[in-house]
Every structure is written in structure tokens, then in C-alpha cells.
Amino acid sequence: MSVISMLDQLAANLDEAEDATVRIVGDSVYVQYANDPAVLKITSRPGVDEVKLTLHFIHPEHGLIDSTSFILTRAQKFSVAIEQLVAYQDIWFR
């Protein structure tokens, strides 16, 4: 899966939330929810047989609050990335 198609799929998945504003800028997807000033930034970096996804939780007044990253290999399904994303969204936005 190319980085662009992965970003498109992540953006489509995140855009399903009614209160989410989702934008793709370069190699990153940005998400902001209506009642929360914080932004989730998802950056992807391609490797030979893998893609590194980095999630940044950024608050406009306090800067970077937290971040994490994980590797998605070609053998793994895209659902693995979605599972990781949902887990961190539950931590950061609930």
C-alpha cells in the first residue's frame, strides 16, 4: 500500500465521525474534533517493506502533549493501523 493511499484511507476512516474535521497536508493527516482544541497529527514514512506511522497529540496552547509510532509491514492488514489509531484516540480524546 502506498503512503498516499494509506493517508487517504486513514482520512476516510477518521472523517466518518460527524464532529471531525480531517485534512491531508503533505505526508500527514490532521484531525480536529468540534469540541476539542487539540489536534491529532498522523504522519507516515515509507520504508522498503513497511510504513512507519507516527501519531502526535497536539494542543494549541501547550504544544505536543504525547506521541507514539508503530510499524505497519506489508504482511499486516490495514485494519492493524486502524486498531492502533482507535486505541490512542480513546486515550487522548475521551
Protein backbone atom coordinates (compact mmCIF):
# COMPACT_ATOMS: atom_id res chain seq x y z
CA MET A 1 0.00 0.00 0.00
CA SER A 2 1.39 3.38 -0.96
CA VAL A 3 1.70 6.17 1.57
CA ILE A 4 -0.84 8.28 -0.34
CA SER A 5 -3.46 5.53 -0.38
CA MET A 6 -2.83 4.85 3.32
CA LEU A 7 -3.32 8.54 4.14
CA ASP A 8 -6.50 8.58 2.06
CA GLN A 9 -7.85 5.53 3.89
CA LEU A 10 -6.95 6.95 7.31
CA ALA A 11 -8.60 10.26 6.40
CA ALA A 12 -11.74 8.49 5.16
CA ASN A 13 -11.94 6.44 8.34
CA LEU A 14 -11.47 9.47 10.59
CA ASP A 15 -13.90 11.58 8.56
CA GLU A 16 -16.71 9.17 9.47
CA ALA A 17 -17.05 10.95 12.81
CA GLU A 18 -19.65 13.68 12.39
CA ASP A 19 -17.75 16.18 14.50
CA ALA A 20 -14.33 15.65 12.88
CA THR A 21 -12.51 17.99 10.54
CA VAL A 22 -9.94 15.99 8.56
CA ARG A 23 -7.28 17.34 6.20
CA ILE A 24 -4.33 15.79 4.38
CA VAL A 25 -1.25 18.02 4.13
CA GLY A 26 1.87 16.50 2.58
CA ASP A 27 2.62 13.20 4.30
CA SER A 28 0.30 13.88 7.25
CA VAL A 29 -3.36 13.67 8.16
CA TYR A 30 -4.69 16.23 10.64
CA VAL A 31 -7.86 15.66 12.67
CA GLN A 32 -9.69 18.05 14.97
CA TYR A 33 -12.93 17.29 16.75
CA ALA A 34 -15.57 20.01 17.15
CA ASN A 35 -15.46 20.46 20.92
CA ASP A 36 -11.74 19.88 21.42
CA PRO A 37 -8.96 22.35 20.58
CA ALA A 38 -6.39 19.53 20.36
CA VAL A 39 -5.28 18.14 17.01
CA LEU A 40 -4.28 14.60 16.08
CA LYS A 41 -1.48 14.56 13.50
CA ILE A 42 -0.74 11.25 11.76
CA THR A 43 2.47 11.15 9.75
CA SER A 44 3.58 8.28 7.54
CA ARG A 45 7.10 7.47 6.43
CA PRO A 46 7.57 4.74 3.82
CA GLY A 47 10.23 2.07 4.14
CA VAL A 48 11.18 -0.78 1.84
CA ASP A 49 8.59 -3.29 3.10
CA GLU A 50 6.89 -1.23 5.77
CA VAL A 51 5.35 2.10 6.66
CA LYS A 52 6.07 3.90 9.92
CA LEU A 53 3.04 5.71 11.30
CA THR A 54 3.56 8.37 13.95
CA LEU A 55 0.66 9.80 15.94
CA HIS A 56 1.06 13.22 17.58
CA PHE A 57 -1.43 14.66 20.06
CA ILE A 58 -1.01 18.43 19.89
CA HIS A 59 -2.75 21.09 21.97
CA PRO A 60 -2.70 24.68 20.60
CA GLU A 61 -1.78 26.22 23.97
CA HIS A 62 0.58 23.54 25.28
CA GLY A 63 2.20 22.13 22.15
CA LEU A 64 2.98 18.45 21.78
CA ILE A 65 1.28 16.50 24.57
CA ASP A 66 2.09 12.92 23.55
CA SER A 67 3.20 10.86 20.59
CA THR A 68 3.65 7.27 19.59
CA SER A 69 4.69 5.38 16.49
CA PHE A 70 4.40 1.91 15.10
CA ILE A 71 5.46 -0.01 12.00
CA LEU A 72 2.92 -1.44 9.59
CA THR A 73 4.51 -4.17 7.44
CA ARG A 74 3.26 -5.28 4.04
CA ALA A 75 2.12 -8.56 5.58
CA GLN A 76 -0.20 -6.78 8.02
CA LYS A 77 -3.64 -5.64 7.03
CA PHE A 78 -4.68 -2.00 7.13
CA SER A 79 -7.03 -2.89 10.00
CA VAL A 80 -3.96 -3.16 12.26
CA ALA A 81 -3.30 0.56 11.74
CA ILE A 82 -6.95 1.37 12.44
CA GLU A 83 -6.89 -0.68 15.67
CA GLN A 84 -3.81 1.24 16.89
CA LEU A 85 -5.37 4.55 15.91
CA VAL A 86 -8.64 3.80 17.72
CA ALA A 87 -6.78 2.75 20.86
CA TYR A 88 -4.88 6.05 21.03
CA GLN A 89 -7.95 8.12 20.16
CA ASP A 90 -9.71 6.52 23.13
CA ILE A 91 -6.83 7.53 25.39
CA TRP A 92 -6.32 11.05 24.08
CA PHE A 93 -9.84 12.22 23.21
CA ARG A 94 -12.07 10.63 25.86
